[in-house]
Amino acid sequence: MEKKNCEECFKYYNSGGSGGFNCAESTMYGVSNVLGLDTEKFLPMASPFGGGIGRNGKICGSLVVGMMLLGNKFGRNDPDMLRAPAYEAADKLLENFQEKFGNLNCRELTGLDLKAIDNTGEEKQRVHHEVCRPIVKQVCEWVTEMYEEADK
């Protein structure tokens, strides 16, 4: 099911050029807006996760932010609450991501070492368009669907 509102993730997405939001920020911005969360409060938390955590090529920033957003819905704020809902949501998102994209790490997903290339390079722009944008949109769709299912 395509969620047109997930296009909100790309309103300020410009990960490969100057200005704009990285993949993690774009996911946080878009999903927060779609779900009516406090974007101003949550958005800064996403900044360090772009490019696989600080452009280090580790776990995908969009995926990390998806997990943060699931924590907002399924996490706990009392030590006596059950952890299971958050862990189940995390398992579902990880399983979906791994199955669709084949890897969790930015460097393997993109084939780029983001610390070693020009930030405005043509190859980086191509990869961000062909690889990263679809990932951001898909994470948005999965997370918003999980919120909607939980509210039924």
Protein backbone atom coordinates (compact mmCIF):
# COMPACT_ATOMS: atom_id res chain seq x y z
CA MET A 1 0.00 0.00 0.00
CA GLU A 2 1.55 3.29 -1.05
CA LYS A 3 1.29 6.11 1.43
CA LYS A 4 1.40 9.39 -0.42
CA ASN A 5 1.88 11.23 2.86
CA CYS A 6 5.31 9.60 3.21
CA GLU A 7 6.43 11.96 0.44
CA GLU A 8 6.67 14.48 3.30
CA CYS A 9 10.04 12.84 4.09
CA PHE A 10 11.46 14.41 0.94
CA LYS A 11 10.29 17.97 1.53
CA TYR A 12 13.78 19.02 2.66
CA TYR A 13 15.81 15.95 1.68
CA ASN A 14 19.10 16.89 0.07
CA SER A 15 21.50 14.50 1.68
CA GLY A 16 24.08 14.69 -1.06
CA GLY A 17 24.32 18.44 -1.48
CA SER A 18 24.68 21.49 0.64
CA GLY A 19 21.77 22.18 2.97
CA GLY A 20 18.77 19.96 3.38
CA PHE A 21 18.13 17.00 5.67
CA ASN A 22 20.07 13.75 5.68
CA CYS A 23 18.30 10.37 5.49
CA ALA A 24 17.75 10.11 9.25
CA GLU A 25 16.49 13.68 9.60
CA SER A 26 14.24 13.23 6.57
CA THR A 27 12.71 10.12 8.07
CA MET A 28 12.16 11.84 11.41
CA TYR A 29 10.73 14.97 9.79
CA GLY A 30 8.38 13.13 7.46
CA VAL A 31 7.11 10.48 9.86
CA SER A 32 6.71 13.00 12.68
CA ASN A 33 4.61 15.20 10.40
CA VAL A 34 2.56 12.28 9.10
CA LEU A 35 1.83 11.09 12.65
CA GLY A 36 1.38 14.51 14.19
CA LEU A 37 4.39 14.24 16.52
CA ASP A 38 6.41 17.19 17.79
CA THR A 39 8.86 17.58 14.90
CA GLU A 40 10.74 20.40 16.60
CA LYS A 41 11.40 18.20 19.63
CA PHE A 42 12.34 15.00 17.79
CA LEU A 43 14.15 16.25 14.68
CA PRO A 44 17.48 17.25 16.32
CA MET A 45 17.82 13.73 17.76
CA ALA A 46 18.02 12.33 14.24
CA SER A 47 20.92 14.46 12.98
CA PRO A 48 23.85 12.26 14.09
CA PHE A 49 22.43 9.11 12.48
CA GLY A 50 22.74 10.12 8.82
CA GLY A 51 25.14 8.15 6.66
CA GLY A 52 25.11 5.17 8.96
CA ILE A 53 25.79 7.07 12.18
CA GLY A 54 27.86 10.15 11.48
CA ARG A 55 28.66 9.06 7.90
CA ASN A 56 30.53 6.02 9.24
CA GLY A 57 28.62 3.53 7.08
CA LYS A 58 27.17 1.59 10.00
CA ILE A 59 23.45 0.88 10.52
CA CYS A 60 21.22 2.85 8.17
CA GLY A 61 20.19 6.20 9.66
CA SER A 62 16.64 5.90 8.38
CA LEU A 63 16.32 2.51 10.07
CA VAL A 64 17.70 3.85 13.37
CA VAL A 65 15.20 6.69 13.32
CA GLY A 66 12.43 4.25 12.45
CA MET A 67 13.37 2.38 15.62
CA MET A 68 13.32 5.61 17.63
CA LEU A 69 9.85 6.36 16.33
CA LEU A 70 8.70 2.85 17.23
CA GLY A 71 10.10 3.43 20.71
CA ASN A 72 7.92 6.52 20.94
CA LYS A 73 4.85 4.36 20.27
CA PHE A 74 5.71 1.02 21.82
CA GLY A 75 8.41 1.91 24.34
CA ARG A 76 7.95 2.28 28.03
CA ASN A 77 8.37 5.07 30.51
CA ASP A 78 7.92 2.95 33.61
CA PRO A 79 10.30 0.15 34.62
CA ASP A 80 7.34 -2.06 35.49
CA MET A 81 5.89 -1.91 31.99
CA LEU A 82 6.54 -4.76 29.59
CA ARG A 83 9.37 -4.46 27.06
CA ALA A 84 7.79 -6.98 24.71
CA PRO A 85 5.75 -4.52 22.58
CA ALA A 86 8.87 -2.49 21.76
CA TYR A 87 10.95 -5.58 21.05
CA GLU A 88 8.23 -7.06 18.82
CA ALA A 89 7.96 -3.82 16.85
CA ALA A 90 11.76 -3.69 16.48
CA ASP A 91 11.86 -7.30 15.29
CA LYS A 92 9.20 -6.60 12.68
CA LEU A 93 10.96 -3.51 11.33
CA LEU A 94 14.37 -5.23 11.25
CA GLU A 95 12.94 -8.30 9.54
CA ASN A 96 11.14 -6.21 6.91
CA PHE A 97 14.24 -4.09 6.27
CA GLN A 98 16.63 -7.05 6.01
CA GLU A 99 14.26 -8.94 3.73
CA LYS A 100 13.67 -6.01 1.37
CA PHE A 101 17.13 -4.43 1.29
CA GLY A 102 19.43 -7.35 2.14
CA ASN A 103 21.59 -5.49 4.64
CA LEU A 104 21.26 -3.07 7.55
CA ASN A 105 24.49 -1.11 7.02
CA CYS A 106 24.71 2.09 5.01
CA ARG A 107 28.06 1.29 3.41
CA GLU A 108 26.83 -2.07 2.10
CA LEU A 109 23.49 -0.63 1.00
CA THR A 110 25.03 2.32 -0.85
CA GLY A 111 28.48 1.08 -1.77
CA LEU A 112 29.82 4.45 -0.63
CA ASP A 113 32.36 5.52 1.95
CA LEU A 114 30.69 8.79 2.84
CA LYS A 115 33.74 10.12 4.63
CA ALA A 116 35.99 9.63 1.61
CA ILE A 117 33.95 11.14 -1.20
CA ASP A 118 32.89 14.59 -2.28
CA ASN A 119 29.60 15.54 -0.62
CA THR A 120 28.21 16.79 -3.90
CA GLY A 121 29.65 14.06 -6.12
CA GLU A 122 27.58 12.71 -8.98
CA GLU A 123 27.82 9.10 -7.77
CA LYS A 124 26.64 10.09 -4.29
CA GLN A 125 23.70 11.96 -5.79
CA ARG A 126 22.79 8.94 -7.90
CA VAL A 127 22.97 6.55 -4.94
CA HIS A 128 20.93 8.88 -2.74
CA HIS A 129 18.27 9.03 -5.40
CA GLU A 130 18.22 5.34 -6.34
CA VAL A 131 19.00 3.71 -2.97
CA CYS A 132 18.42 6.09 -0.07
CA ARG A 133 15.17 7.73 -1.15
CA PRO A 134 13.38 4.38 -1.56
CA ILE A 135 14.68 3.27 1.85
CA VAL A 136 13.47 6.45 3.56
CA LYS A 137 10.05 6.12 1.95
CA GLN A 138 9.76 2.44 2.85
CA VAL A 139 10.75 3.00 6.49
CA CYS A 140 8.13 5.74 6.67
CA GLU A 141 5.48 3.39 5.30
CA TRP A 142 6.37 0.57 7.67
CA VAL A 143 6.48 2.80 10.75
CA THR A 144 3.25 4.62 9.99
CA GLU A 145 1.51 1.29 9.27
CA MET A 146 2.69 -0.07 12.62
CA TYR A 147 1.32 3.02 14.38
CA GLU A 148 -2.00 2.66 12.55
CA GLU A 149 -2.27 -1.07 13.33
CA ALA A 150 -1.59 -0.41 17.02
CA ASP A 151 -4.35 2.22 17.12
CA LYS A 152 -7.01 -0.14 15.70
